[in-house]
Amino acid sequence: MLPILRILPAGGVLLAILILVLALSPPDGARARLAMVTGRGVLADRDRQSEVRQYLIHAALTRADELNRLRDLPHSPVRAEVAPPNRSVQRPR
């Protein structure tokens, strides 16, 4: 009975390690496909969709136009309102 008590926990640990290894390396190659996925906007593979490059270029041009419009804004100093003078609060005697 004593060897069974040693085999069961050791077998359970080895089974957990085996499941973990099999889960981290799927046989269908899905992990290799995830490396090609971009992280910008919609997750899409650049090789599968040819218009992704056009979307990225369009987005870059749009951002550049927005930055140019911001640079063209007039440089005026920020006007701060003059705070009213503090009136000292008199305590009743």
C-alpha atoms as a PDB file:
ATOM      1  CA  MET A   1       0.000   0.000   0.000  1.00  0.00           C
ATOM      2  CA  LEU A   2       2.892   2.338   0.618  1.00  0.00           C
ATOM      3  CA  PRO A   3       4.187   2.371  -3.010  1.00  0.00           C
ATOM      4  CA  ILE A   4       0.697   3.322  -4.240  1.00  0.00           C
ATOM      5  CA  LEU A   5       0.701   6.373  -1.960  1.00  0.00           C
ATOM      6  CA  ARG A   6       3.967   7.488  -3.598  1.00  0.00           C
ATOM      7  CA  ILE A   7       2.919   6.716  -7.166  1.00  0.00           C
ATOM      8  CA  LEU A   8      -0.414   8.555  -7.086  1.00  0.00           C
ATOM      9  CA  PRO A   9       0.947  12.028  -6.151  1.00  0.00           C
ATOM     10  CA  ALA A  10       3.975  11.647  -8.417  1.00  0.00           C
ATOM     11  CA  GLY A  11       1.777  10.475 -11.279  1.00  0.00           C
ATOM     12  CA  GLY A  12      -0.606  13.390 -10.703  1.00  0.00           C
ATOM     13  CA  VAL A  13       2.256  15.883 -10.859  1.00  0.00           C
ATOM     14  CA  LEU A  14       3.666  14.304 -14.012  1.00  0.00           C
ATOM     15  CA  LEU A  15       0.205  14.309 -15.600  1.00  0.00           C
ATOM     16  CA  ALA A  16      -0.226  18.022 -14.774  1.00  0.00           C
ATOM     17  CA  ILE A  17       3.175  18.817 -16.315  1.00  0.00           C
ATOM     18  CA  LEU A  18       2.306  16.798 -19.433  1.00  0.00           C
ATOM     19  CA  ILE A  19      -1.009  18.644 -19.828  1.00  0.00           C
ATOM     20  CA  LEU A  20       0.754  21.982 -19.415  1.00  0.00           C
ATOM     21  CA  VAL A  21       3.363  21.111 -22.058  1.00  0.00           C
ATOM     22  CA  LEU A  22       0.718  19.918 -24.499  1.00  0.00           C
ATOM     23  CA  ALA A  23      -1.370  23.055 -23.922  1.00  0.00           C
ATOM     24  CA  LEU A  24       1.580  25.370 -24.575  1.00  0.00           C
ATOM     25  CA  SER A  25       2.513  23.757 -27.881  1.00  0.00           C
ATOM     26  CA  PRO A  26      -0.606  22.985 -29.932  1.00  0.00           C
ATOM     27  CA  PRO A  27       0.004  20.611 -32.853  1.00  0.00           C
ATOM     28  CA  ASP A  28      -1.929  22.653 -35.463  1.00  0.00           C
ATOM     29  CA  GLY A  29       0.621  25.472 -35.547  1.00  0.00           C
ATOM     30  CA  ALA A  30      -1.789  28.088 -34.179  1.00  0.00           C
ATOM     31  CA  ARG A  31       1.021  29.557 -32.096  1.00  0.00           C
ATOM     32  CA  ALA A  32       3.080  30.304 -35.208  1.00  0.00           C
ATOM     33  CA  ARG A  33       0.138  32.152 -36.757  1.00  0.00           C
ATOM     34  CA  LEU A  34      -0.257  34.366 -33.705  1.00  0.00           C
ATOM     35  CA  ALA A  35       3.241  35.756 -34.217  1.00  0.00           C
ATOM     36  CA  MET A  36       2.212  37.204 -37.589  1.00  0.00           C
ATOM     37  CA  VAL A  37      -0.842  39.030 -36.228  1.00  0.00           C
ATOM     38  CA  THR A  38      -0.549  42.798 -35.927  1.00  0.00           C
ATOM     39  CA  GLY A  39      -1.582  44.604 -32.798  1.00  0.00           C
ATOM     40  CA  ARG A  40      -2.985  47.708 -34.494  1.00  0.00           C
ATOM     41  CA  GLY A  41      -6.721  48.047 -34.780  1.00  0.00           C
ATOM     42  CA  VAL A  42      -8.388  44.902 -35.993  1.00  0.00           C
ATOM     43  CA  LEU A  43      -6.208  41.859 -35.490  1.00  0.00           C
ATOM     44  CA  ALA A  44      -5.462  40.658 -39.011  1.00  0.00           C
ATOM     45  CA  ASP A  45      -2.664  38.861 -40.771  1.00  0.00           C
ATOM     46  CA  ARG A  46      -0.946  41.198 -43.233  1.00  0.00           C
ATOM     47  CA  ASP A  47      -0.309  38.432 -45.751  1.00  0.00           C
ATOM     48  CA  ARG A  48      -3.924  37.297 -45.863  1.00  0.00           C
ATOM     49  CA  GLN A  49      -5.509  40.715 -46.337  1.00  0.00           C
ATOM     50  CA  SER A  50      -3.815  42.935 -48.879  1.00  0.00           C
ATOM     51  CA  GLU A  51      -5.790  46.040 -47.933  1.00  0.00           C
ATOM     52  CA  VAL A  52      -4.337  46.125 -44.407  1.00  0.00           C
ATOM     53  CA  ARG A  53      -1.247  47.916 -45.708  1.00  0.00           C
ATOM     54  CA  GLN A  54      -3.454  50.520 -47.389  1.00  0.00           C
ATOM     55  CA  TYR A  55      -5.394  51.050 -44.152  1.00  0.00           C
ATOM     56  CA  LEU A  56      -2.160  51.541 -42.220  1.00  0.00           C
ATOM     57  CA  ILE A  57      -0.872  54.050 -44.784  1.00  0.00           C
ATOM     58  CA  HIS A  58      -4.198  55.901 -44.759  1.00  0.00           C
ATOM     59  CA  ALA A  59      -4.193  56.038 -40.952  1.00  0.00           C
ATOM     60  CA  ALA A  60      -0.609  57.362 -40.931  1.00  0.00           C
ATOM     61  CA  LEU A  61      -1.470  60.062 -43.475  1.00  0.00           C
ATOM     62  CA  THR A  62      -4.557  61.062 -41.505  1.00  0.00           C
ATOM     63  CA  ARG A  63      -2.521  61.395 -38.320  1.00  0.00           C
ATOM     64  CA  ALA A  64       0.093  63.451 -40.170  1.00  0.00           C
ATOM     65  CA  ASP A  65      -2.612  65.790 -41.522  1.00  0.00           C
ATOM     66  CA  GLU A  66      -4.066  66.238 -38.049  1.00  0.00           C
ATOM     67  CA  LEU A  67      -0.639  67.057 -36.624  1.00  0.00           C
ATOM     68  CA  ASN A  68      -0.009  69.585 -39.402  1.00  0.00           C
ATOM     69  CA  ARG A  69      -3.358  71.253 -38.673  1.00  0.00           C
ATOM     70  CA  LEU A  70      -2.448  71.444 -34.982  1.00  0.00           C
ATOM     71  CA  ARG A  71       0.920  72.995 -35.846  1.00  0.00           C
ATOM     72  CA  ASP A  72      -0.810  75.611 -38.006  1.00  0.00           C
ATOM     73  CA  LEU A  73      -2.982  76.848 -35.142  1.00  0.00           C
ATOM     74  CA  PRO A  74      -2.078  80.360 -33.941  1.00  0.00           C
ATOM     75  CA  HIS A  75       0.175  80.522 -30.931  1.00  0.00           C
ATOM     76  CA  SER A  76      -1.721  82.747 -28.538  1.00  0.00           C
ATOM     77  CA  PRO A  77      -0.932  82.944 -24.854  1.00  0.00           C
ATOM     78  CA  VAL A  78      -3.416  81.475 -22.465  1.00  0.00           C
ATOM     79  CA  ARG A  79      -5.446  84.123 -20.701  1.00  0.00           C
ATOM     80  CA  ALA A  80      -5.970  83.563 -17.041  1.00  0.00           C
ATOM     81  CA  GLU A  81      -8.839  85.273 -15.313  1.00  0.00           C
ATOM     82  CA  VAL A  82      -7.843  87.667 -12.609  1.00  0.00           C
ATOM     83  CA  ALA A  83      -8.918  86.245  -9.303  1.00  0.00           C
ATOM     84  CA  PRO A  84     -10.965  88.606  -7.117  1.00  0.00           C
ATOM     85  CA  PRO A  85      -9.108  89.846  -4.049  1.00  0.00           C
ATOM     86  CA  ASN A  86      -9.606  87.726  -0.988  1.00  0.00           C
ATOM     87  CA  ARG A  87     -11.859  89.380   1.526  1.00  0.00           C
ATOM     88  CA  SER A  88     -10.883  88.590   5.018  1.00  0.00           C
ATOM     89  CA  VAL A  89     -13.692  87.034   6.955  1.00  0.00           C
ATOM     90  CA  GLN A  90     -14.383  88.919  10.151  1.00  0.00           C
ATOM     91  CA  ARG A  91     -15.505  86.868  13.052  1.00  0.00           C
ATOM     92  CA  PRO A  92     -18.332  88.186  15.170  1.00  0.00           C
ATOM     93  CA  ARG A  93     -17.244  89.356  18.624  1.00  0.00           C
END
